[in-house]
Amino acid sequence: MARPRTDRARAGDPTAPGRGRVLVCYLLPLPVFLLALCVGAYRLAPAAILDAILQRLMGRTIFGPAVEPGAMTVLLDVRLPRVLLSLLVGASLSASGAAFQSVMRNPLVEPYTLGVSSGAALGAALSMAFSLLPLQLSAFLFASASILACYLIAGQRGSAPILSLILAGIIVSAVCTAALSAVQLVVDPLKLQGLVFWTMGGFYTTTWEKLLSALPLLLVGLAAVYLLRWRMNILSLGDGEARMLGADPRLLRGAVLLSATLLASASVSVSGILSLVGLMIPHICRMLFGADHRRLIPLSMSLGAAYLTAVDTLARTLFTFEIPVGIFTTFLGAPFFVVLLRKARSIGWN
């Protein structure tokens, strides 16, 4: 007797996500990456991009003559680190949002609505203004304090209703924003302009040094969330069911929260506040591919990387001047959040 196949896609379930859509989502960052390298004030052909990389690494080209020094500088020292960082931050914010939604079993939570992004921004601003702590460490500590405060404010007998979490996130974000404004009042005027533009969110100050400073934290956080993805399915069942399956829900929840907070804080420390990315992308992936975190987490990483890189490309090419990426992500994410909130009320989420 043949072994029954439990996988929905193999069993021919029409509700299962098609392999074609999954493959497209996984491959989507590649064309977005190439397009982002090509377009801009200094336009480059794909062949010139490959030639520039080969010329820098091996001293020769394949498709044409030697690349001009100006094109080399624009591509390899300005555009390439920026595109790579936008890919990493997009993947990190999306994975962080999916992890927060999983561990709290609330569909409307993410780093921005929980106050994590505002807390990380405050910590990073204090580091930039007064150099009290290293940038990433300060952002992580304040982000952790923000989510802890948010959960304590919203908690009721060990649970945190969704609307209470949203209200608590508003409170925490407001306090952190006010504290950030106070920092801007007392900071050195020479640092003030850079700090104001940084809080709007963007990648215009990206350098290889900034990318490399955040790369270890982002990779560790992404790897941790990826490895914990199947355990998030256990958490979504509830604490009682998790214990029956042999898992410690408190320890597991702490590991997921720690990883998600690390991703959010490291992202904010290098890009500023990019709101609602962690809310919109996981929900799009959930609607397209289902709620199984074994697939949801990597797909959120892939789609989030492509989304934020595309938005950053629009921000620097749509007009003759550059628009902060955080403005784009808010304008795109706010209507999506309103729709989700109305849907939550209609189906009775508390």
C-alpha atoms as a PDB file:
ATOM      1  CA  MET A   1       0.000   0.000   0.000  1.00  0.00           C
ATOM      2  CA  ALA A   2       1.399   3.350  -1.003  1.00  0.00           C
ATOM      3  CA  ARG A   3       2.241   5.851   1.715  1.00  0.00           C
ATOM      4  CA  PRO A   4      -0.333   8.661   1.828  1.00  0.00           C
ATOM      5  CA  ARG A   5       0.947  12.068   0.799  1.00  0.00           C
ATOM      6  CA  THR A   6      -0.017  14.735   3.313  1.00  0.00           C
ATOM      7  CA  ASP A   7       1.437  17.727   1.540  1.00  0.00           C
ATOM      8  CA  ARG A   8      -1.436  19.761   0.113  1.00  0.00           C
ATOM      9  CA  ALA A   9       0.360  20.708  -3.068  1.00  0.00           C
ATOM     10  CA  ARG A  10       1.318  17.092  -3.803  1.00  0.00           C
ATOM     11  CA  ALA A  11      -2.173  15.902  -2.988  1.00  0.00           C
ATOM     12  CA  GLY A  12      -3.615  18.265  -5.573  1.00  0.00           C
ATOM     13  CA  ASP A  13      -5.415  20.575  -3.162  1.00  0.00           C
ATOM     14  CA  PRO A  14      -6.489  23.617  -5.238  1.00  0.00           C
ATOM     15  CA  THR A  15      -6.025  25.892  -2.206  1.00  0.00           C
ATOM     16  CA  ALA A  16      -2.331  25.013  -1.927  1.00  0.00           C
ATOM     17  CA  PRO A  17       0.119  27.631  -3.218  1.00  0.00           C
ATOM     18  CA  GLY A  18       1.404  26.769  -6.681  1.00  0.00           C
ATOM     19  CA  ARG A  19       5.057  26.003  -7.106  1.00  0.00           C
ATOM     20  CA  GLY A  20       5.243  28.566  -9.896  1.00  0.00           C
ATOM     21  CA  ARG A  21       4.174  31.423  -7.625  1.00  0.00           C
ATOM     22  CA  VAL A  22       6.558  30.270  -4.914  1.00  0.00           C
ATOM     23  CA  LEU A  23       9.457  30.131  -7.379  1.00  0.00           C
ATOM     24  CA  VAL A  24       8.627  33.592  -8.727  1.00  0.00           C
ATOM     25  CA  CYS A  25       8.601  35.012  -5.199  1.00  0.00           C
ATOM     26  CA  TYR A  26      11.965  33.428  -4.389  1.00  0.00           C
ATOM     27  CA  LEU A  27      13.547  34.707  -7.610  1.00  0.00           C
ATOM     28  CA  LEU A  28      11.981  38.184  -7.517  1.00  0.00           C
ATOM     29  CA  PRO A  29      14.872  39.866  -5.627  1.00  0.00           C
ATOM     30  CA  LEU A  30      17.293  39.039  -8.449  1.00  0.00           C
ATOM     31  CA  PRO A  31      15.709  41.152 -11.245  1.00  0.00           C
ATOM     32  CA  VAL A  32      14.926  43.904  -8.743  1.00  0.00           C
ATOM     33  CA  PHE A  33      18.582  43.851  -7.659  1.00  0.00           C
ATOM     34  CA  LEU A  34      19.818  44.146 -11.244  1.00  0.00           C
ATOM     35  CA  LEU A  35      17.311  46.877 -12.095  1.00  0.00           C
ATOM     36  CA  ALA A  36      18.282  48.887  -9.021  1.00  0.00           C
ATOM     37  CA  LEU A  37      21.935  48.742 -10.060  1.00  0.00           C
ATOM     38  CA  CYS A  38      21.126  49.889 -13.597  1.00  0.00           C
ATOM     39  CA  VAL A  39      18.828  52.863 -13.008  1.00  0.00           C
ATOM     40  CA  GLY A  40      19.608  56.215 -11.465  1.00  0.00           C
ATOM     41  CA  ALA A  41      21.088  59.557 -12.414  1.00  0.00           C
ATOM     42  CA  TYR A  42      23.967  57.587 -13.940  1.00  0.00           C
ATOM     43  CA  ARG A  43      22.366  54.821 -16.016  1.00  0.00           C
ATOM     44  CA  LEU A  44      24.314  51.620 -16.581  1.00  0.00           C
ATOM     45  CA  ALA A  45      23.704  48.648 -18.846  1.00  0.00           C
ATOM     46  CA  PRO A  46      23.651  45.148 -17.291  1.00  0.00           C
ATOM     47  CA  ALA A  47      26.746  44.214 -19.275  1.00  0.00           C
ATOM     48  CA  ALA A  48      28.582  47.246 -17.878  1.00  0.00           C
ATOM     49  CA  ILE A  49      27.678  46.158 -14.346  1.00  0.00           C
ATOM     50  CA  LEU A  50      29.227  42.729 -14.824  1.00  0.00           C
ATOM     51  CA  ASP A  51      32.272  44.243 -16.540  1.00  0.00           C
ATOM     52  CA  ALA A  52      32.778  46.699 -13.667  1.00  0.00           C
ATOM     53  CA  ILE A  53      32.690  43.892 -11.098  1.00  0.00           C
ATOM     54  CA  LEU A  54      35.078  41.730 -13.127  1.00  0.00           C
ATOM     55  CA  GLN A  55      37.385  44.689 -13.696  1.00  0.00           C
ATOM     56  CA  ARG A  56      37.521  45.427  -9.966  1.00  0.00           C
ATOM     57  CA  LEU A  57      38.082  41.768  -9.015  1.00  0.00           C
ATOM     58  CA  MET A  58      40.125  40.393 -11.926  1.00  0.00           C
ATOM     59  CA  GLY A  59      41.355  43.414 -13.844  1.00  0.00           C
ATOM     60  CA  ARG A  60      39.591  42.514 -17.118  1.00  0.00           C
ATOM     61  CA  THR A  61      36.214  42.790 -18.842  1.00  0.00           C
ATOM     62  CA  ILE A  62      34.134  40.508 -21.072  1.00  0.00           C
ATOM     63  CA  PHE A  63      31.468  42.538 -22.881  1.00  0.00           C
ATOM     64  CA  GLY A  64      33.290  45.746 -23.712  1.00  0.00           C
ATOM     65  CA  PRO A  65      36.225  48.077 -23.082  1.00  0.00           C
ATOM     66  CA  ALA A  66      37.398  49.078 -19.642  1.00  0.00           C
ATOM     67  CA  VAL A  67      34.731  50.709 -17.538  1.00  0.00           C
ATOM     68  CA  GLU A  68      35.189  54.422 -16.879  1.00  0.00           C
ATOM     69  CA  PRO A  69      36.423  55.328 -13.381  1.00  0.00           C
ATOM     70  CA  GLY A  70      33.285  57.415 -12.756  1.00  0.00           C
ATOM     71  CA  ALA A  71      31.006  54.502 -13.579  1.00  0.00           C
ATOM     72  CA  MET A  72      33.094  52.202 -11.380  1.00  0.00           C
ATOM     73  CA  THR A  73      32.769  54.569  -8.438  1.00  0.00           C
ATOM     74  CA  VAL A  74      29.025  55.058  -8.874  1.00  0.00           C
ATOM     75  CA  LEU A  75      28.337  51.360  -9.195  1.00  0.00           C
ATOM     76  CA  LEU A  76      30.692  49.687  -6.741  1.00  0.00           C
ATOM     77  CA  ASP A  77      31.168  52.347  -4.068  1.00  0.00           C
ATOM     78  CA  VAL A  78      27.763  54.077  -4.036  1.00  0.00           C
ATOM     79  CA  ARG A  79      25.015  52.018  -5.635  1.00  0.00           C
ATOM     80  CA  LEU A  80      26.029  48.436  -4.828  1.00  0.00           C
ATOM     81  CA  PRO A  81      26.293  48.779  -1.017  1.00  0.00           C
ATOM     82  CA  ARG A  82      23.027  50.719  -0.967  1.00  0.00           C
ATOM     83  CA  VAL A  83      21.141  48.066  -2.928  1.00  0.00           C
ATOM     84  CA  LEU A  84      22.600  45.256  -0.824  1.00  0.00           C
ATOM     85  CA  LEU A  85      21.618  47.020   2.391  1.00  0.00           C
ATOM     86  CA  SER A  86      18.079  47.660   1.161  1.00  0.00           C
ATOM     87  CA  LEU A  87      17.734  43.967   0.325  1.00  0.00           C
ATOM     88  CA  LEU A  88      18.934  42.946   3.782  1.00  0.00           C
ATOM     89  CA  VAL A  89      16.799  45.468   5.646  1.00  0.00           C
ATOM     90  CA  GLY A  90      13.699  44.570   3.637  1.00  0.00           C
ATOM     91  CA  ALA A  91      14.185  40.880   4.382  1.00  0.00           C
ATOM     92  CA  SER A  92      14.889  41.613   8.052  1.00  0.00           C
ATOM     93  CA  LEU A  93      11.867  43.852   8.673  1.00  0.00           C
ATOM     94  CA  SER A  94       9.543  41.407   6.923  1.00  0.00           C
ATOM     95  CA  ALA A  95      10.877  38.401   8.829  1.00  0.00           C
ATOM     96  CA  SER A  96      10.691  40.375  12.068  1.00  0.00           C
ATOM     97  CA  GLY A  97       7.057  41.290  11.434  1.00  0.00           C
ATOM     98  CA  ALA A  98       6.122  37.689  10.630  1.00  0.00           C
ATOM     99  CA  ALA A  99       7.857  36.498  13.786  1.00  0.00           C
ATOM    100  CA  PHE A 100       6.111  39.050  16.008  1.00  0.00           C
ATOM    101  CA  GLN A 101       2.737  38.139  14.540  1.00  0.00           C
ATOM    102  CA  SER A 102       3.443  34.477  15.156  1.00  0.00           C
ATOM    103  CA  VAL A 103       4.695  34.656  18.711  1.00  0.00           C
ATOM    104  CA  MET A 104       1.907  36.976  19.875  1.00  0.00           C
ATOM    105  CA  ARG A 105      -0.775  35.350  17.719  1.00  0.00           C
ATOM    106  CA  ASN A 106      -1.950  38.820  16.726  1.00  0.00           C
ATOM    107  CA  PRO A 107      -2.232  39.637  13.015  1.00  0.00           C
ATOM    108  CA  LEU A 108      -1.765  43.405  13.344  1.00  0.00           C
ATOM    109  CA  VAL A 109       1.495  43.582  15.271  1.00  0.00           C
ATOM    110  CA  GLU A 110       4.865  44.393  13.761  1.00  0.00           C
ATOM    111  CA  PRO A 111       7.968  46.363  14.821  1.00  0.00           C
ATOM    112  CA  TYR A 112       6.397  49.748  14.015  1.00  0.00           C
ATOM    113  CA  THR A 113       2.987  49.204  15.639  1.00  0.00           C
ATOM    114  CA  LEU A 114       4.617  47.685  18.739  1.00  0.00           C
ATOM    115  CA  GLY A 115       6.902  50.672  19.241  1.00  0.00           C
ATOM    116  CA  VAL A 116      10.017  48.611  18.576  1.00  0.00           C
ATOM    117  CA  SER A 117      11.093  50.782  15.651  1.00  0.00           C
ATOM    118  CA  SER A 118      10.600  53.989  17.647  1.00  0.00           C
ATOM    119  CA  GLY A 119      12.529  52.562  20.576  1.00  0.00           C
ATOM    120  CA  ALA A 120      15.378  51.462  18.338  1.00  0.00           C
ATOM    121  CA  ALA A 121      15.382  54.889  16.673  1.00  0.00           C
ATOM    122  CA  LEU A 122      15.658  56.568  20.072  1.00  0.00           C
ATOM    123  CA  GLY A 123      18.541  54.321  21.077  1.00  0.00           C
ATOM    124  CA  ALA A 124      20.346  54.882  17.789  1.00  0.00           C
ATOM    125  CA  ALA A 125      19.795  58.643  18.000  1.00  0.00           C
ATOM    126  CA  LEU A 126      21.250  58.761  21.511  1.00  0.00           C
ATOM    127  CA  SER A 127      24.271  56.848  20.276  1.00  0.00           C
ATOM    128  CA  MET A 128      24.772  59.169  17.298  1.00  0.00           C
ATOM    129  CA  ALA A 129      24.242  62.302  19.372  1.00  0.00           C
ATOM    130  CA  PHE A 130      26.229  61.481  22.512  1.00  0.00           C
ATOM    131  CA  SER A 131      28.230  58.310  21.705  1.00  0.00           C
ATOM    132  CA  LEU A 132      27.217  56.706  25.006  1.00  0.00           C
ATOM    133  CA  LEU A 133      26.958  53.173  23.572  1.00  0.00           C
ATOM    134  CA  PRO A 134      27.757  51.522  20.237  1.00  0.00           C
ATOM    135  CA  LEU A 135      25.037  52.244  17.679  1.00  0.00           C
ATOM    136  CA  GLN A 136      23.648  48.723  17.216  1.00  0.00           C
ATOM    137  CA  LEU A 137      23.820  47.898  20.924  1.00  0.00           C
ATOM    138  CA  SER A 138      21.983  51.063  21.915  1.00  0.00           C
ATOM    139  CA  ALA A 139      19.278  50.451  19.307  1.00  0.00           C
ATOM    140  CA  PHE A 140      18.825  46.848  20.450  1.00  0.00           C
ATOM    141  CA  LEU A 141      18.564  47.728  24.148  1.00  0.00           C
ATOM    142  CA  PHE A 142      15.972  50.437  23.584  1.00  0.00           C
ATOM    143  CA  ALA A 143      14.014  48.245  21.157  1.00  0.00           C
ATOM    144  CA  SER A 144      13.928  45.446  23.734  1.00  0.00           C
ATOM    145  CA  ALA A 145      12.754  47.862  26.419  1.00  0.00           C
ATOM    146  CA  SER A 146      10.022  49.152  24.106  1.00  0.00           C
ATOM    147  CA  ILE A 147       8.536  45.750  23.334  1.00  0.00           C
ATOM    148  CA  LEU A 148       8.714  44.774  26.994  1.00  0.00           C
ATOM    149  CA  ALA A 149       6.886  47.962  27.991  1.00  0.00           C
ATOM    150  CA  CYS A 150       4.325  47.433  25.239  1.00  0.00           C
ATOM    151  CA  TYR A 151       3.590  43.870  26.327  1.00  0.00           C
ATOM    152  CA  LEU A 152       3.393  44.827  30.028  1.00  0.00           C
ATOM    153  CA  ILE A 153       0.971  47.661  29.308  1.00  0.00           C
ATOM    154  CA  ALA A 154      -1.258  45.490  27.125  1.00  0.00           C
ATOM    155  CA  GLY A 155      -1.070  42.308  29.189  1.00  0.00           C
ATOM    156  CA  GLN A 156      -4.189  41.077  30.939  1.00  0.00           C
ATOM    157  CA  ARG A 157      -3.823  37.877  32.970  1.00  0.00           C
ATOM    158  CA  GLY A 158      -1.033  36.598  30.796  1.00  0.00           C
ATOM    159  CA  SER A 159      -2.581  37.555  27.467  1.00  0.00           C
ATOM    160  CA  ALA A 160      -2.410  40.642  25.301  1.00  0.00           C
ATOM    161  CA  PRO A 161      -5.548  41.459  23.268  1.00  0.00           C
ATOM    162  CA  ILE A 162      -4.844  42.839  19.837  1.00  0.00           C
ATOM    163  CA  LEU A 163      -6.411  46.274  20.320  1.00  0.00           C
ATOM    164  CA  SER A 164      -4.608  46.630  23.653  1.00  0.00           C
ATOM    165  CA  LEU A 165      -1.320  45.867  21.940  1.00  0.00           C
ATOM    166  CA  ILE A 166      -1.999  48.481  19.270  1.00  0.00           C
ATOM    167  CA  LEU A 167      -2.872  51.086  21.885  1.00  0.00           C
ATOM    168  CA  ALA A 168       0.173  50.158  23.947  1.00  0.00           C
ATOM    169  CA  GLY A 169       2.313  50.465  20.816  1.00  0.00           C
ATOM    170  CA  ILE A 170       0.888  53.940  20.206  1.00  0.00           C
ATOM    171  CA  ILE A 171       1.771  54.941  23.773  1.00  0.00           C
ATOM    172  CA  VAL A 172       5.307  53.565  23.577  1.00  0.00           C
ATOM    173  CA  SER A 173       5.880  55.087  20.132  1.00  0.00           C
ATOM    174  CA  ALA A 174       4.618  58.473  21.341  1.00  0.00           C
ATOM    175  CA  VAL A 175       6.929  58.442  24.352  1.00  0.00           C
ATOM    176  CA  CYS A 176       9.923  57.412  22.255  1.00  0.00           C
ATOM    177  CA  THR A 177       9.098  60.015  19.608  1.00  0.00           C
ATOM    178  CA  ALA A 178       8.855  62.722  22.266  1.00  0.00           C
ATOM    179  CA  ALA A 179      12.181  61.621  23.734  1.00  0.00           C
ATOM    180  CA  LEU A 180      13.697  61.651  20.248  1.00  0.00           C
ATOM    181  CA  SER A 181      12.453  65.221  19.750  1.00  0.00           C
ATOM    182  CA  ALA A 182      14.059  66.177  23.056  1.00  0.00           C
ATOM    183  CA  VAL A 183      17.351  64.700  21.855  1.00  0.00           C
ATOM    184  CA  GLN A 184      17.103  66.786  18.682  1.00  0.00           C
ATOM    185  CA  LEU A 185      16.664  69.938  20.801  1.00  0.00           C
ATOM    186  CA  VAL A 186      19.887  69.434  22.721  1.00  0.00           C
ATOM    187  CA  VAL A 187      22.066  67.780  20.094  1.00  0.00           C
ATOM    188  CA  ASP A 188      24.979  69.545  18.445  1.00  0.00           C
ATOM    189  CA  PRO A 189      23.581  71.649  15.546  1.00  0.00           C
ATOM    190  CA  LEU A 190      26.175  70.085  13.248  1.00  0.00           C
ATOM    191  CA  LYS A 191      24.592  66.663  13.883  1.00  0.00           C
ATOM    192  CA  LEU A 192      20.975  67.812  13.915  1.00  0.00           C
ATOM    193  CA  GLN A 193      20.324  67.870  10.165  1.00  0.00           C
ATOM    194  CA  GLY A 194      21.720  64.393   9.653  1.00  0.00           C
ATOM    195  CA  LEU A 195      19.710  63.094  12.608  1.00  0.00           C
ATOM    196  CA  VAL A 196      16.446  64.585  11.301  1.00  0.00           C
ATOM    197  CA  PHE A 197      16.891  63.083   7.844  1.00  0.00           C
ATOM    198  CA  TRP A 198      17.937  59.749   9.339  1.00  0.00           C
ATOM    199  CA  THR A 199      14.698  59.477  11.340  1.00  0.00           C
ATOM    200  CA  MET A 200      12.719  59.780   8.082  1.00  0.00           C
ATOM    201  CA  GLY A 201      14.218  56.500   6.913  1.00  0.00           C
ATOM    202  CA  GLY A 202      16.427  55.944   3.916  1.00  0.00           C
ATOM    203  CA  PHE A 203      19.653  54.543   2.493  1.00  0.00           C
ATOM    204  CA  TYR A 204      21.245  57.672   1.036  1.00  0.00           C
ATOM    205  CA  THR A 205      24.133  57.584   3.540  1.00  0.00           C
ATOM    206  CA  THR A 206      24.951  53.927   2.915  1.00  0.00           C
ATOM    207  CA  THR A 207      28.615  53.017   2.676  1.00  0.00           C
ATOM    208  CA  TRP A 208      30.459  49.736   2.748  1.00  0.00           C
ATOM    209  CA  GLU A 209      31.432  50.497   6.356  1.00  0.00           C
ATOM    210  CA  LYS A 210      27.796  50.935   7.404  1.00  0.00           C
ATOM    211  CA  LEU A 211      26.763  47.776   5.563  1.00  0.00           C
ATOM    212  CA  LEU A 212      29.516  45.715   7.152  1.00  0.00           C
ATOM    213  CA  SER A 213      28.755  47.086  10.626  1.00  0.00           C
ATOM    214  CA  ALA A 214      25.173  45.798  10.489  1.00  0.00           C
ATOM    215  CA  LEU A 215      25.771  42.698   8.365  1.00  0.00           C
ATOM    216  CA  PRO A 216      26.689  40.282  11.204  1.00  0.00           C
ATOM    217  CA  LEU A 217      23.639  41.233  13.303  1.00  0.00           C
ATOM    218  CA  LEU A 218      21.260  41.038  10.345  1.00  0.00           C
ATOM    219  CA  LEU A 219      22.607  37.672   9.227  1.00  0.00           C
ATOM    220  CA  VAL A 220      22.465  36.239  12.749  1.00  0.00           C
ATOM    221  CA  GLY A 221      18.895  37.466  13.197  1.00  0.00           C
ATOM    222  CA  LEU A 222      17.777  36.149   9.803  1.00  0.00           C
ATOM    223  CA  ALA A 223      19.397  32.786  10.438  1.00  0.00           C
ATOM    224  CA  ALA A 224      17.802  32.509  13.886  1.00  0.00           C
ATOM    225  CA  VAL A 225      14.300  33.358  12.623  1.00  0.00           C
ATOM    226  CA  TYR A 226      14.734  30.964   9.707  1.00  0.00           C
ATOM    227  CA  LEU A 227      15.822  28.099  11.964  1.00  0.00           C
ATOM    228  CA  LEU A 228      12.935  28.768  14.362  1.00  0.00           C
ATOM    229  CA  ARG A 229      10.316  28.997  11.620  1.00  0.00           C
ATOM    230  CA  TRP A 230       8.824  25.523  12.096  1.00  0.00           C
ATOM    231  CA  ARG A 231       8.620  26.049  15.866  1.00  0.00           C
ATOM    232  CA  MET A 232       6.486  29.131  15.239  1.00  0.00           C
ATOM    233  CA  ASN A 233       3.800  26.737  14.017  1.00  0.00           C
ATOM    234  CA  ILE A 234       3.875  25.149  17.477  1.00  0.00           C
ATOM    235  CA  LEU A 235       3.557  28.547  19.175  1.00  0.00           C
ATOM    236  CA  SER A 236       0.554  29.389  17.028  1.00  0.00           C
ATOM    237  CA  LEU A 237      -1.297  26.425  18.547  1.00  0.00           C
ATOM    238  CA  GLY A 238      -1.183  27.875  22.058  1.00  0.00           C
ATOM    239  CA  ASP A 239       0.880  27.164  25.160  1.00  0.00           C
ATOM    240  CA  GLY A 240      -1.027  24.041  26.183  1.00  0.00           C
ATOM    241  CA  GLU A 241      -0.635  22.354  22.815  1.00  0.00           C
ATOM    242  CA  ALA A 242       3.024  23.415  22.661  1.00  0.00           C
ATOM    243  CA  ARG A 243       3.733  21.685  25.987  1.00  0.00           C
ATOM    244  CA  MET A 244       1.953  18.562  24.797  1.00  0.00           C
ATOM    245  CA  LEU A 245       4.323  18.498  21.824  1.00  0.00           C
ATOM    246  CA  GLY A 246       7.337  18.701  24.144  1.00  0.00           C
ATOM    247  CA  ALA A 247       8.229  22.377  23.640  1.00  0.00           C
ATOM    248  CA  ASP A 248       8.762  25.017  26.323  1.00  0.00           C
ATOM    249  CA  PRO A 249       6.554  27.883  25.080  1.00  0.00           C
ATOM    250  CA  ARG A 250       8.157  30.535  27.299  1.00  0.00           C
ATOM    251  CA  LEU A 251      11.688  29.669  26.193  1.00  0.00           C
ATOM    252  CA  LEU A 252      10.644  29.384  22.567  1.00  0.00           C
ATOM    253  CA  ARG A 253       8.698  32.651  22.674  1.00  0.00           C
ATOM    254  CA  GLY A 254      11.686  34.408  24.201  1.00  0.00           C
ATOM    255  CA  ALA A 255      14.021  33.101  21.485  1.00  0.00           C
ATOM    256  CA  VAL A 256      11.702  34.287  18.709  1.00  0.00           C
ATOM    257  CA  LEU A 257      11.167  37.692  20.334  1.00  0.00           C
ATOM    258  CA  LEU A 258      14.903  38.138  20.829  1.00  0.00           C
ATOM    259  CA  SER A 259      15.648  37.284  17.198  1.00  0.00           C
ATOM    260  CA  ALA A 260      12.866  39.508  15.842  1.00  0.00           C
ATOM    261  CA  THR A 261      13.931  42.428  18.050  1.00  0.00           C
ATOM    262  CA  LEU A 262      17.541  42.023  16.918  1.00  0.00           C
ATOM    263  CA  LEU A 263      16.424  42.214  13.282  1.00  0.00           C
ATOM    264  CA  ALA A 264      14.256  45.279  13.849  1.00  0.00           C
ATOM    265  CA  SER A 265      16.831  47.189  15.893  1.00  0.00           C
ATOM    266  CA  ALA A 266      19.733  46.443  13.540  1.00  0.00           C
ATOM    267  CA  SER A 267      17.599  47.534  10.589  1.00  0.00           C
ATOM    268  CA  VAL A 268      16.557  50.795  12.222  1.00  0.00           C
ATOM    269  CA  SER A 269      20.127  51.575  13.248  1.00  0.00           C
ATOM    270  CA  VAL A 270      21.252  51.706   9.605  1.00  0.00           C
ATOM    271  CA  SER A 271      18.106  52.849   7.791  1.00  0.00           C
ATOM    272  CA  GLY A 272      15.996  54.881  10.212  1.00  0.00           C
ATOM    273  CA  ILE A 273      12.278  54.209  10.694  1.00  0.00           C
ATOM    274  CA  LEU A 274      10.679  52.351   7.780  1.00  0.00           C
ATOM    275  CA  SER A 275       7.141  51.850   8.946  1.00  0.00           C
ATOM    276  CA  LEU A 276       4.671  49.069   8.142  1.00  0.00           C
ATOM    277  CA  VAL A 277       7.029  46.940   6.021  1.00  0.00           C
ATOM    278  CA  GLY A 278       6.825  44.198   8.631  1.00  0.00           C
ATOM    279  CA  LEU A 279       3.032  44.395   8.608  1.00  0.00           C
ATOM    280  CA  MET A 280       2.275  44.429   4.896  1.00  0.00           C
ATOM    281  CA  ILE A 281       4.725  41.885   3.463  1.00  0.00           C
ATOM    282  CA  PRO A 282       3.949  38.949   5.834  1.00  0.00           C
ATOM    283  CA  HIS A 283       0.225  39.435   5.249  1.00  0.00           C
ATOM    284  CA  ILE A 284       0.660  39.434   1.479  1.00  0.00           C
ATOM    285  CA  CYS A 285       2.676  36.222   1.739  1.00  0.00           C
ATOM    286  CA  ARG A 286       0.078  34.715   4.080  1.00  0.00           C
ATOM    287  CA  MET A 287      -2.726  35.505   1.640  1.00  0.00           C
ATOM    288  CA  LEU A 288      -0.788  34.089  -1.311  1.00  0.00           C
ATOM    289  CA  PHE A 289       0.928  31.081   0.222  1.00  0.00           C
ATOM    290  CA  GLY A 290      -0.797  30.200   3.491  1.00  0.00           C
ATOM    291  CA  ALA A 291       0.113  30.489   7.165  1.00  0.00           C
ATOM    292  CA  ASP A 292       2.670  27.681   7.447  1.00  0.00           C
ATOM    293  CA  HIS A 293       5.719  29.447   8.878  1.00  0.00           C
ATOM    294  CA  ARG A 294       8.089  26.930   7.312  1.00  0.00           C
ATOM    295  CA  ARG A 295       7.216  28.597   4.013  1.00  0.00           C
ATOM    296  CA  LEU A 296       5.952  31.967   5.247  1.00  0.00           C
ATOM    297  CA  ILE A 297       9.245  33.089   6.813  1.00  0.00           C
ATOM    298  CA  PRO A 298      11.561  32.571   3.792  1.00  0.00           C
ATOM    299  CA  LEU A 299       8.930  33.908   1.400  1.00  0.00           C
ATOM    300  CA  SER A 300       8.511  37.020   3.561  1.00  0.00           C
ATOM    301  CA  MET A 301      12.268  37.521   3.495  1.00  0.00           C
ATOM    302  CA  SER A 302      12.367  37.248  -0.288  1.00  0.00           C
ATOM    303  CA  LEU A 303       9.350  39.452  -1.002  1.00  0.00           C
ATOM    304  CA  GLY A 304      10.397  41.994   1.641  1.00  0.00           C
ATOM    305  CA  ALA A 305      13.864  42.299   0.121  1.00  0.00           C
ATOM    306  CA  ALA A 306      12.415  42.877  -3.350  1.00  0.00           C
ATOM    307  CA  TYR A 307       9.778  45.310  -2.064  1.00  0.00           C
ATOM    308  CA  LEU A 308      12.076  47.598  -0.102  1.00  0.00           C
ATOM    309  CA  THR A 309      14.727  47.638  -2.836  1.00  0.00           C
ATOM    310  CA  ALA A 310      12.075  48.593  -5.390  1.00  0.00           C
ATOM    311  CA  VAL A 311      10.743  51.338  -3.104  1.00  0.00           C
ATOM    312  CA  ASP A 312      14.257  52.686  -2.521  1.00  0.00           C
ATOM    313  CA  THR A 313      14.864  52.718  -6.273  1.00  0.00           C
ATOM    314  CA  LEU A 314      11.679  54.735  -6.769  1.00  0.00           C
ATOM    315  CA  ALA A 315      12.668  57.108  -3.972  1.00  0.00           C
ATOM    316  CA  ARG A 316      15.954  58.015  -5.656  1.00  0.00           C
ATOM    317  CA  THR A 317      14.805  58.024  -9.295  1.00  0.00           C
ATOM    318  CA  LEU A 318      11.184  59.188  -9.358  1.00  0.00           C
ATOM    319  CA  PHE A 319      12.074  62.893  -8.978  1.00  0.00           C
ATOM    320  CA  THR A 320      15.143  65.028  -9.486  1.00  0.00           C
ATOM    321  CA  PHE A 321      15.624  64.995  -5.712  1.00  0.00           C
ATOM    322  CA  GLU A 322      15.604  62.030  -3.351  1.00  0.00           C
ATOM    323  CA  ILE A 323      12.598  61.316  -1.141  1.00  0.00           C
ATOM    324  CA  PRO A 324      13.129  59.521   2.196  1.00  0.00           C
ATOM    325  CA  VAL A 325      12.121  55.874   1.862  1.00  0.00           C
ATOM    326  CA  GLY A 326      10.153  56.029   5.111  1.00  0.00           C
ATOM    327  CA  ILE A 327       7.656  58.382   3.466  1.00  0.00           C
ATOM    328  CA  PHE A 328       7.009  55.857   0.698  1.00  0.00           C
ATOM    329  CA  THR A 329       6.618  52.897   3.059  1.00  0.00           C
ATOM    330  CA  THR A 330       4.142  54.831   5.212  1.00  0.00           C
ATOM    331  CA  PHE A 331       2.015  55.967   2.275  1.00  0.00           C
ATOM    332  CA  LEU A 332       1.944  52.423   0.895  1.00  0.00           C
ATOM    333  CA  GLY A 333       1.475  50.642   4.205  1.00  0.00           C
ATOM    334  CA  ALA A 334      -1.089  52.874   5.924  1.00  0.00           C
ATOM    335  CA  PRO A 335      -4.046  51.992   3.625  1.00  0.00           C
ATOM    336  CA  PHE A 336      -3.122  48.328   3.933  1.00  0.00           C
ATOM    337  CA  PHE A 337      -3.161  48.624   7.734  1.00  0.00           C
ATOM    338  CA  VAL A 338      -6.591  50.293   7.672  1.00  0.00           C
ATOM    339  CA  VAL A 339      -8.001  47.464   5.558  1.00  0.00           C
ATOM    340  CA  LEU A 340      -6.579  44.870   7.946  1.00  0.00           C
ATOM    341  CA  LEU A 341      -7.972  46.687  10.972  1.00  0.00           C
ATOM    342  CA  ARG A 342     -11.452  46.828   9.453  1.00  0.00           C
ATOM    343  CA  LYS A 343     -11.203  43.166   8.581  1.00  0.00           C
ATOM    344  CA  ALA A 344     -10.139  42.388  12.145  1.00  0.00           C
ATOM    345  CA  ARG A 345     -13.240  44.071  13.505  1.00  0.00           C
ATOM    346  CA  SER A 346     -15.544  42.311  11.028  1.00  0.00           C
ATOM    347  CA  ILE A 347     -14.360  38.837  12.023  1.00  0.00           C
ATOM    348  CA  GLY A 348     -14.219  39.562  15.716  1.00  0.00           C
ATOM    349  CA  TRP A 349     -10.512  39.638  16.566  1.00  0.00           C
ATOM    350  CA  ASN A 350     -10.133  41.022  20.070  1.00  0.00           C
END
